[in-house]
Protein backbone atom coordinates (compact mmCIF):
# COMPACT_ATOMS: atom_id res chain seq x y z
CA MET A 1 -92.90 198.37 -141.37
CA LYS A 2 -92.79 202.04 -141.80
CA ARG A 3 -92.69 202.67 -138.24
CA LYS A 4 -89.79 200.38 -137.74
CA SER A 5 -87.89 201.94 -140.53
CA PHE A 6 -88.58 205.55 -139.12
CA LEU A 7 -87.46 204.33 -135.47
CA SER A 8 -84.15 202.82 -136.95
CA VAL A 9 -83.33 206.33 -138.39
CA ILE A 10 -83.81 207.98 -135.19
CA LEU A 11 -81.79 205.27 -133.48
CA VAL A 12 -78.83 205.96 -135.69
CA SER A 13 -79.13 209.66 -134.99
CA SER A 14 -79.08 209.12 -131.44
CA LEU A 15 -76.16 206.76 -131.55
CA LEU A 16 -73.94 209.14 -133.42
CA ILE A 17 -72.94 211.08 -130.27
CA VAL A 18 -71.58 207.95 -128.49
CA TRP A 19 -67.99 208.27 -129.65
CA LEU A 20 -67.88 211.74 -131.36
CA ILE A 21 -67.49 213.61 -128.25
CA PRO A 22 -64.17 212.64 -126.40
CA SER A 23 -64.04 212.25 -122.77
CA PRO A 24 -62.63 215.29 -120.78
CA ALA A 25 -59.95 212.84 -119.56
CA LEU A 26 -58.57 212.78 -123.02
CA ALA A 27 -56.53 215.97 -123.20
CA GLY A 28 -56.05 217.55 -126.81
CA PRO A 29 -58.80 216.30 -129.15
CA PRO A 30 -60.06 219.22 -131.19
CA ASP A 31 -63.32 220.74 -130.23
CA ASN A 32 -63.93 222.27 -133.46
CA TYR A 33 -64.08 220.44 -136.76
CA THR A 34 -65.98 219.09 -139.65
CA ALA A 35 -65.88 215.54 -141.06
CA LYS A 36 -67.56 212.62 -142.50
CA MET A 37 -68.95 209.88 -140.42
CA VAL A 38 -69.29 206.23 -141.94
CA MET A 39 -71.81 204.24 -139.72
CA GLU A 40 -74.23 201.47 -140.24
CA GLY A 41 -73.35 201.71 -144.05
CA MET A 42 -74.14 205.43 -144.34
CA THR A 43 -71.77 208.33 -144.97
CA MET A 44 -72.98 211.53 -143.51
CA PRO A 45 -71.52 215.12 -142.83
CA ILE A 46 -70.96 215.91 -139.17
CA ALA A 47 -69.62 219.07 -137.32
CA LYS A 48 -68.63 219.62 -133.83
CA MET A 49 -68.10 222.87 -131.84
CA GLY A 50 -67.50 222.63 -128.07
CA ASN A 51 -70.48 220.45 -126.63
CA LYS A 52 -72.50 220.93 -129.67
CA MET A 53 -72.74 218.32 -132.58
CA ARG A 54 -74.59 218.58 -135.88
CA THR A 55 -75.23 215.63 -138.11
CA GLU A 56 -76.99 215.31 -141.45
CA ASN A 57 -78.80 212.06 -142.07
CA PRO A 58 -78.56 210.97 -145.68
CA MET A 59 -81.70 208.78 -145.19
CA MET A 60 -84.09 211.50 -144.79
CA GLN A 61 -83.36 214.41 -147.40
CA GLY A 62 -82.96 217.74 -145.65
CA MET A 63 -82.97 216.45 -142.18
CA VAL A 64 -80.45 217.89 -139.71
CA ASN A 65 -80.06 217.01 -136.04
CA ILE A 66 -78.20 219.26 -133.71
CA HIS A 67 -77.28 217.92 -130.27
CA PHE A 68 -76.64 220.02 -127.20
CA ILE A 69 -74.68 217.80 -124.73
CA ASP A 70 -74.75 220.03 -121.77
CA SER A 71 -78.47 220.84 -121.74
CA ARG A 72 -79.37 217.24 -123.03
CA LYS A 73 -81.54 218.86 -125.87
CA MET A 74 -81.83 218.03 -129.40
CA ILE A 75 -83.19 220.06 -132.33
CA MET A 76 -84.35 218.24 -135.55
CA MET A 77 -84.94 220.48 -138.54
CA SER A 78 -86.02 220.04 -142.12
CA THR A 79 -84.09 222.26 -144.53
CA THR A 80 -86.50 221.21 -147.12
CA ASN A 81 -89.68 222.59 -145.34
CA LYS A 82 -87.88 225.24 -143.09
CA THR A 83 -89.33 223.61 -140.00
CA TYR A 84 -87.87 222.42 -136.79
CA MET A 85 -88.65 220.87 -133.31
CA GLU A 86 -87.09 220.40 -130.02
CA GLN A 87 -86.83 217.41 -127.67
CA ALA A 88 -84.94 215.98 -125.00
CA MET A 89 -82.08 213.62 -125.85
CA ARG A 90 -82.97 210.00 -125.05
CA GLN A 91 -80.20 207.36 -124.44
CA GLU A 92 -80.27 204.70 -126.79
CA GLY A 93 -77.84 201.93 -126.83
CA ALA A 94 -74.61 202.83 -125.09
CA PRO A 95 -74.21 206.23 -123.23
CA SER A 96 -71.80 208.88 -124.34
CA ILE A 97 -68.50 208.97 -122.81
CA ASP A 98 -68.75 212.67 -122.58
CA ASP A 99 -71.46 212.35 -120.10
CA PRO A 100 -69.82 213.37 -116.52
CA ARG A 101 -71.75 210.32 -115.07
CA VAL A 102 -69.71 207.94 -117.11
CA VAL A 103 -66.60 205.92 -116.10
CA VAL A 104 -64.01 205.08 -118.87
CA GLU A 105 -61.40 202.44 -118.36
CA LYS A 106 -58.98 201.53 -121.23
CA LYS A 107 -55.85 199.70 -121.98
CA GLN A 108 -53.73 200.00 -124.94
CA ILE A 109 -53.56 196.95 -127.15
CA GLY A 110 -51.49 198.19 -130.11
CA SER A 111 -50.90 200.74 -132.73
CA GLU A 112 -52.29 201.04 -136.21
CA THR A 113 -52.61 203.54 -138.93
CA ILE A 114 -56.22 204.44 -139.98
CA ASP A 115 -57.16 206.38 -143.02
CA GLY A 116 -53.68 207.81 -142.89
CA HIS A 117 -53.76 208.85 -139.17
CA PRO A 118 -51.15 207.07 -136.71
CA CYS A 119 -53.36 205.76 -133.94
CA ASN A 120 -53.15 204.23 -130.50
CA LYS A 121 -55.61 201.27 -130.23
CA TYR A 122 -57.35 200.68 -126.98
CA ASP A 123 -59.59 198.01 -125.41
CA SER A 124 -62.03 199.87 -123.32
CA VAL A 125 -64.94 199.46 -120.95
CA PHE A 126 -67.34 202.17 -120.02
CA TYR A 127 -70.37 202.62 -117.89
CA ILE A 128 -72.57 204.92 -115.95
CA LYS A 129 -71.14 205.55 -112.47
CA ASP A 130 -74.40 204.77 -110.80
CA LYS A 131 -74.85 201.58 -112.97
CA PRO A 132 -71.62 199.85 -112.63
CA ALA A 133 -73.12 196.47 -113.71
CA GLU A 134 -74.23 197.92 -117.04
CA LYS A 135 -70.91 197.82 -118.75
CA TYR A 136 -70.14 198.43 -122.44
CA LYS A 137 -67.09 197.19 -124.30
CA ALA A 138 -65.25 198.98 -127.17
CA ILE A 139 -62.23 199.10 -129.27
CA ILE A 140 -61.17 202.49 -129.99
CA TRP A 141 -58.54 204.16 -132.25
CA GLU A 142 -57.28 207.54 -131.15
CA ALA A 143 -55.49 209.48 -133.86
CA LYS A 144 -52.18 210.75 -132.46
CA ASP A 145 -51.93 213.49 -134.95
CA LEU A 146 -55.44 214.79 -134.04
CA GLY A 147 -54.77 215.13 -130.23
CA GLY A 148 -56.19 211.74 -129.44
CA LEU A 149 -59.60 212.06 -131.37
CA VAL A 150 -61.37 208.81 -131.66
CA ILE A 151 -61.40 208.12 -135.42
CA ARG A 152 -62.74 204.58 -135.32
CA SER A 153 -64.65 202.58 -132.64
CA GLU A 154 -66.19 199.18 -132.34
CA THR A 155 -68.80 199.25 -129.56
CA ALA A 156 -70.33 195.96 -128.38
CA LEU A 157 -73.95 196.37 -127.18
CA PRO A 158 -75.54 193.92 -124.64
CA PRO A 159 -78.64 191.86 -125.85
CA GLU A 160 -81.01 194.16 -124.20
CA LYS A 161 -79.81 197.22 -125.93
CA ALA A 162 -79.48 195.74 -129.37
CA ARG A 163 -81.79 196.85 -132.09
CA GLY A 164 -82.65 194.79 -135.22
CA GLY A 165 -80.34 192.14 -134.27
CA LYS A 166 -77.13 194.25 -134.37
CA ASN A 167 -74.96 193.80 -131.38
CA LYS A 168 -71.96 195.82 -132.54
CA ILE A 169 -71.77 199.42 -133.69
CA VAL A 170 -68.87 200.34 -135.84
CA ASN A 171 -68.10 203.83 -136.98
CA GLU A 172 -65.23 205.85 -138.34
CA ILE A 173 -64.62 209.53 -138.98
CA LYS A 174 -62.93 210.63 -142.15
CA GLU A 175 -61.73 213.80 -143.88
CA VAL A 176 -61.59 215.80 -140.47
CA LYS A 177 -60.99 219.44 -140.94
CA VAL A 178 -59.98 221.08 -137.73
CA GLY A 179 -61.46 224.42 -137.13
CA ALA A 180 -64.00 224.20 -140.01
CA ALA A 181 -67.24 224.43 -137.98
CA LYS A 182 -69.04 227.64 -137.79
CA SER A 183 -71.54 228.79 -135.17
CA SER A 184 -74.26 229.18 -137.73
CA MET A 185 -74.11 225.38 -138.23
CA PHE A 186 -75.72 225.02 -134.85
CA GLU A 187 -78.43 227.67 -134.97
CA VAL A 188 -81.83 227.36 -136.38
CA PRO A 189 -82.38 230.05 -139.33
CA LYS A 190 -84.77 233.00 -138.17
CA ASP A 191 -87.19 232.12 -141.06
CA TYR A 192 -87.81 228.52 -139.90
CA ARG A 193 -91.07 227.66 -138.07
CA LYS A 194 -91.28 225.59 -134.77
CA VAL A 195 -93.69 222.68 -135.05
CA GLU A 196 -94.62 219.96 -132.41
CA ASN A 197 -94.21 216.78 -134.13
CA MET A 198 -92.43 214.87 -136.90
CA MET A 199 -95.41 214.52 -139.23
CA GLU A 200 -95.81 218.40 -139.14
CA MET A 201 -92.15 219.04 -139.56
CA MET A 202 -91.87 216.81 -142.61
CA GLY A 203 -95.03 218.62 -144.31
CA GLY A 204 -97.78 216.07 -143.77
CA THR A 205 -98.75 212.57 -144.52
CA GLN A 206 -98.16 212.48 -148.24
CA LYS A 207 -94.39 213.75 -147.76
CA MET A 208 -93.67 211.25 -145.07
CA GLU A 209 -94.93 208.45 -147.26
CA ASP A 210 -92.75 209.81 -150.12
CA MET A 211 -89.90 209.89 -147.72
CA PHE A 212 -90.47 206.16 -146.68
CA LYS A 213 -90.54 205.21 -150.31
CA GLY A 214 -87.15 206.94 -150.88
CA MET A 215 -85.71 205.19 -147.81
CA LYS A 216 -86.80 201.77 -149.21
CA GLY A 217 -85.43 202.50 -152.68
CA LYS A 218 -81.98 203.06 -151.14
CA LYS A 219 -81.76 199.78 -149.31
């Protein structure tokens, strides 16, 4: 059970980048901002600068993920233990629409106001160019006053990609502050120690068990 809980946390972290990085075809969305993301019943701070994304997972105290889209690398660090580890980004669920291999097709189906932002609403389909049969469907809301930034999405996952019985991922971005991200948010502090695995990063078996107890208490 503990392993399943831990994997679900990692899955949510991986899914965060699906709609946060807008496609190059969408001209205008800000490439520097901070915000709060609401996803899978959680609210978490996020920050974006260029092709770098930072997320703070509320299910794991002190856990920060930094995604580097260009190099397909992810850094996980514990601000509590001052440790970090590096690993290749794995695709879980739907691919990122920022991936140059991805084709996005969309059709406007209406206009709505989301969280105070006037939005164009689109029905969209996206897929990796080399895998046209593996299509994903989503409804997306692009904020007109934020240059077309996707601030809400409802992504349908095919059965083979669904986890825990969930076949739809819904997320929203709130409290967007354009230009608020700083380069230091995407750097590992010099006094942090590099480790090779999650157990070591979290400070050993006992701290891992305490973390899972905390996660269970939040359910």
